[in-house]
Amino acid sequence: MSLATRSLNPTSYTHTRRFWKMTAPGIKEFRAQQFTVALPLLLSSAQQGDAEAQCMMGNICQLGLANVEVDEAAAIQWYYQASNQGYSVATSNLAGMIWPISREAAAALNQLAQQQAAETENTPLVAKAS
């Protein structure tokens, strides 16, 4: 473990490929399928602009998790916000929702998701100690 990561709280970081990335509140709970616990934490993180939290809010709205009614319009909005930040998972999810409406738009979104994923893979995610 490097000196830089030793002084940081290890429970708030996830290992993504070979880089460490700070995770927003609610993401750990969402991944553990504790959706009702995750919802208020994710909502706050998403409203503050965290792309991964926005994508997970899209999942919650699209699938009706955490006792939330299915709301495809809200899901599309959350995916769109995360996609605009370059979050490829959200772009791919958005493409899946758009597919029944426009296959051309969905194909373009899938291509964009691949580009975003390739760019993210080549960019180190470095958490800065405060």
C-alpha atoms as a PDB file:
ATOM      1  CA  MET A   1       0.000   0.000   0.000  1.00  0.00           C
ATOM      2  CA  SER A   2       1.392   3.394  -0.908  1.00  0.00           C
ATOM      3  CA  LEU A   3       1.742   6.237   1.549  1.00  0.00           C
ATOM      4  CA  ALA A   4      -0.913   8.216  -0.303  1.00  0.00           C
ATOM      5  CA  THR A   5      -3.596   5.554   0.137  1.00  0.00           C
ATOM      6  CA  ARG A   6      -2.572   4.546   3.667  1.00  0.00           C
ATOM      7  CA  SER A   7      -3.760   7.825   5.165  1.00  0.00           C
ATOM      8  CA  LEU A   8      -7.151   7.665   3.435  1.00  0.00           C
ATOM      9  CA  ASN A   9     -10.201   5.777   4.632  1.00  0.00           C
ATOM     10  CA  PRO A  10     -10.047   2.459   2.722  1.00  0.00           C
ATOM     11  CA  THR A  11     -13.788   1.821   3.061  1.00  0.00           C
ATOM     12  CA  SER A  12     -14.590   4.844   0.901  1.00  0.00           C
ATOM     13  CA  TYR A  13     -12.481   3.672  -2.019  1.00  0.00           C
ATOM     14  CA  THR A  14     -12.997   0.976  -4.625  1.00  0.00           C
ATOM     15  CA  HIS A  15     -10.389  -0.630  -6.815  1.00  0.00           C
ATOM     16  CA  THR A  16     -11.223  -0.184 -10.484  1.00  0.00           C
ATOM     17  CA  ARG A  17      -8.801  -2.059 -12.685  1.00  0.00           C
ATOM     18  CA  ARG A  18      -5.497  -0.668 -11.469  1.00  0.00           C
ATOM     19  CA  PHE A  19      -6.726   2.645 -10.069  1.00  0.00           C
ATOM     20  CA  TRP A  20      -8.437   3.692  -6.860  1.00  0.00           C
ATOM     21  CA  LYS A  21     -11.536   5.840  -6.993  1.00  0.00           C
ATOM     22  CA  MET A  22     -13.426   7.433  -4.142  1.00  0.00           C
ATOM     23  CA  THR A  23     -17.017   6.213  -3.985  1.00  0.00           C
ATOM     24  CA  ALA A  24     -19.983   8.374  -3.128  1.00  0.00           C
ATOM     25  CA  PRO A  25     -22.283   7.612  -0.195  1.00  0.00           C
ATOM     26  CA  GLY A  26     -24.906   5.000  -1.076  1.00  0.00           C
ATOM     27  CA  ILE A  27     -22.923   3.125  -3.714  1.00  0.00           C
ATOM     28  CA  LYS A  28     -21.681   0.439  -1.331  1.00  0.00           C
ATOM     29  CA  GLU A  29     -25.229  -0.096  -0.050  1.00  0.00           C
ATOM     30  CA  PHE A  30     -26.624  -0.256  -3.601  1.00  0.00           C
ATOM     31  CA  ARG A  31     -24.071  -2.904  -4.568  1.00  0.00           C
ATOM     32  CA  ALA A  32     -25.053  -4.890  -1.457  1.00  0.00           C
ATOM     33  CA  GLN A  33     -28.677  -4.662  -2.695  1.00  0.00           C
ATOM     34  CA  GLN A  34     -29.693  -2.610   0.340  1.00  0.00           C
ATOM     35  CA  PHE A  35     -31.761  -0.357  -1.892  1.00  0.00           C
ATOM     36  CA  THR A  36     -33.902   1.357   0.747  1.00  0.00           C
ATOM     37  CA  VAL A  37     -30.768   2.271   2.724  1.00  0.00           C
ATOM     38  CA  ALA A  38     -28.967   3.375  -0.442  1.00  0.00           C
ATOM     39  CA  LEU A  39     -31.774   5.546  -1.859  1.00  0.00           C
ATOM     40  CA  PRO A  40     -31.454   8.701   0.301  1.00  0.00           C
ATOM     41  CA  LEU A  41     -27.654   8.527   0.209  1.00  0.00           C
ATOM     42  CA  LEU A  42     -27.574   8.071  -3.568  1.00  0.00           C
ATOM     43  CA  LEU A  43     -30.120  10.812  -4.140  1.00  0.00           C
ATOM     44  CA  SER A  44     -27.963  13.272  -2.228  1.00  0.00           C
ATOM     45  CA  SER A  45     -24.805  12.155  -4.082  1.00  0.00           C
ATOM     46  CA  ALA A  46     -26.590  12.292  -7.440  1.00  0.00           C
ATOM     47  CA  GLN A  47     -27.947  15.775  -6.780  1.00  0.00           C
ATOM     48  CA  GLN A  48     -24.382  16.859  -5.975  1.00  0.00           C
ATOM     49  CA  GLY A  49     -23.315  15.660  -9.431  1.00  0.00           C
ATOM     50  CA  ASP A  50     -21.764  12.225  -8.818  1.00  0.00           C
ATOM     51  CA  ALA A  51     -22.138  10.380 -12.135  1.00  0.00           C
ATOM     52  CA  GLU A  52     -22.090   6.867 -10.676  1.00  0.00           C
ATOM     53  CA  ALA A  53     -24.778   7.814  -8.145  1.00  0.00           C
ATOM     54  CA  GLN A  54     -26.826   9.396 -10.948  1.00  0.00           C
ATOM     55  CA  CYS A  55     -26.594   6.155 -12.913  1.00  0.00           C
ATOM     56  CA  MET A  56     -27.692   4.138  -9.889  1.00  0.00           C
ATOM     57  CA  MET A  57     -30.624   6.514  -9.380  1.00  0.00           C
ATOM     58  CA  GLY A  58     -31.504   5.757 -13.007  1.00  0.00           C
ATOM     59  CA  ASN A  59     -31.454   2.039 -12.138  1.00  0.00           C
ATOM     60  CA  ILE A  60     -33.722   2.624  -9.149  1.00  0.00           C
ATOM     61  CA  CYS A  61     -36.225   4.595 -11.247  1.00  0.00           C
ATOM     62  CA  GLN A  62     -36.086   2.240 -14.230  1.00  0.00           C
ATOM     63  CA  LEU A  63     -36.513  -0.953 -12.198  1.00  0.00           C
ATOM     64  CA  GLY A  64     -38.664   0.337  -9.345  1.00  0.00           C
ATOM     65  CA  LEU A  65     -36.163  -0.571  -6.632  1.00  0.00           C
ATOM     66  CA  ALA A  66     -36.389   0.589  -2.986  1.00  0.00           C
ATOM     67  CA  ASN A  67     -40.205   0.720  -3.151  1.00  0.00           C
ATOM     68  CA  VAL A  68     -40.001   3.470  -5.796  1.00  0.00           C
ATOM     69  CA  GLU A  69     -42.570   3.343  -8.589  1.00  0.00           C
ATOM     70  CA  VAL A  70     -41.116   2.668 -12.033  1.00  0.00           C
ATOM     71  CA  ASP A  71     -40.514   6.050 -13.669  1.00  0.00           C
ATOM     72  CA  GLU A  72     -38.848   5.737 -17.063  1.00  0.00           C
ATOM     73  CA  ALA A  73     -38.754   9.500 -17.636  1.00  0.00           C
ATOM     74  CA  ALA A  74     -36.850  10.019 -14.375  1.00  0.00           C
ATOM     75  CA  ALA A  75     -34.536   7.103 -15.237  1.00  0.00           C
ATOM     76  CA  ILE A  76     -33.747   8.664 -18.604  1.00  0.00           C
ATOM     77  CA  GLN A  77     -33.025  12.003 -16.906  1.00  0.00           C
ATOM     78  CA  TRP A  78     -30.600  10.436 -14.404  1.00  0.00           C
ATOM     79  CA  TYR A  79     -28.850   8.377 -17.104  1.00  0.00           C
ATOM     80  CA  TYR A  80     -28.601  11.466 -19.310  1.00  0.00           C
ATOM     81  CA  GLN A  81     -26.969  13.525 -16.549  1.00  0.00           C
ATOM     82  CA  ALA A  82     -24.412  10.791 -15.844  1.00  0.00           C
ATOM     83  CA  SER A  83     -23.796  10.209 -19.548  1.00  0.00           C
ATOM     84  CA  ASN A  84     -23.038  13.902 -20.048  1.00  0.00           C
ATOM     85  CA  GLN A  85     -20.215  13.465 -17.536  1.00  0.00           C
ATOM     86  CA  GLY A  86     -18.737  10.630 -19.585  1.00  0.00           C
ATOM     87  CA  TYR A  87     -20.048   7.732 -17.476  1.00  0.00           C
ATOM     88  CA  SER A  88     -20.223   4.918 -20.027  1.00  0.00           C
ATOM     89  CA  VAL A  89     -22.505   2.622 -18.008  1.00  0.00           C
ATOM     90  CA  ALA A  90     -25.172   5.333 -17.937  1.00  0.00           C
ATOM     91  CA  THR A  91     -24.776   5.951 -21.660  1.00  0.00           C
ATOM     92  CA  SER A  92     -25.239   2.248 -22.334  1.00  0.00           C
ATOM     93  CA  ASN A  93     -28.312   2.115 -20.068  1.00  0.00           C
ATOM     94  CA  LEU A  94     -29.718   5.167 -21.824  1.00  0.00           C
ATOM     95  CA  ALA A  95     -29.220   3.435 -25.174  1.00  0.00           C
ATOM     96  CA  GLY A  96     -31.207   0.456 -23.910  1.00  0.00           C
ATOM     97  CA  MET A  97     -34.093   2.680 -22.893  1.00  0.00           C
ATOM     98  CA  ILE A  98     -34.044   4.575 -26.197  1.00  0.00           C
ATOM     99  CA  TRP A  99     -33.877   1.413 -28.361  1.00  0.00           C
ATOM    100  CA  PRO A 100     -37.685   0.951 -28.681  1.00  0.00           C
ATOM    101  CA  ILE A 101     -38.058   4.587 -29.741  1.00  0.00           C
ATOM    102  CA  SER A 102     -35.094   4.983 -32.102  1.00  0.00           C
ATOM    103  CA  ARG A 103     -32.662   2.251 -33.017  1.00  0.00           C
ATOM    104  CA  GLU A 104     -30.423   4.815 -34.728  1.00  0.00           C
ATOM    105  CA  ALA A 105     -30.158   6.953 -31.610  1.00  0.00           C
ATOM    106  CA  ALA A 106     -29.545   3.842 -29.492  1.00  0.00           C
ATOM    107  CA  ALA A 107     -26.767   2.709 -31.838  1.00  0.00           C
ATOM    108  CA  ALA A 108     -25.135   6.149 -31.613  1.00  0.00           C
ATOM    109  CA  LEU A 109     -25.372   6.048 -27.808  1.00  0.00           C
ATOM    110  CA  ASN A 110     -23.820   2.573 -27.714  1.00  0.00           C
ATOM    111  CA  GLN A 111     -20.943   3.827 -29.843  1.00  0.00           C
ATOM    112  CA  LEU A 112     -20.515   6.799 -27.507  1.00  0.00           C
ATOM    113  CA  ALA A 113     -20.541   4.441 -24.488  1.00  0.00           C
ATOM    114  CA  GLN A 114     -17.699   2.435 -26.051  1.00  0.00           C
ATOM    115  CA  GLN A 115     -15.693   5.615 -26.621  1.00  0.00           C
ATOM    116  CA  GLN A 116     -16.330   6.781 -23.051  1.00  0.00           C
ATOM    117  CA  ALA A 117     -15.271   3.411 -21.647  1.00  0.00           C
ATOM    118  CA  ALA A 118     -12.064   3.454 -23.694  1.00  0.00           C
ATOM    119  CA  GLU A 119     -11.242   6.986 -22.522  1.00  0.00           C
ATOM    120  CA  THR A 120     -11.942   6.116 -18.869  1.00  0.00           C
ATOM    121  CA  GLU A 121      -9.795   2.983 -19.074  1.00  0.00           C
ATOM    122  CA  ASN A 122      -6.811   5.094 -20.112  1.00  0.00           C
ATOM    123  CA  THR A 123      -7.327   7.797 -17.480  1.00  0.00           C
ATOM    124  CA  PRO A 124      -6.009   7.205 -13.974  1.00  0.00           C
ATOM    125  CA  LEU A 125      -8.529   7.937 -11.253  1.00  0.00           C
ATOM    126  CA  VAL A 126      -6.563   9.474  -8.438  1.00  0.00           C
ATOM    127  CA  ALA A 127      -8.112  10.332  -5.099  1.00  0.00           C
ATOM    128  CA  LYS A 128      -6.582  13.419  -3.556  1.00  0.00           C
ATOM    129  CA  ALA A 129      -6.149  13.619   0.186  1.00  0.00           C
ATOM    130  CA  SER A 130      -7.598  16.764   1.691  1.00  0.00           C
END
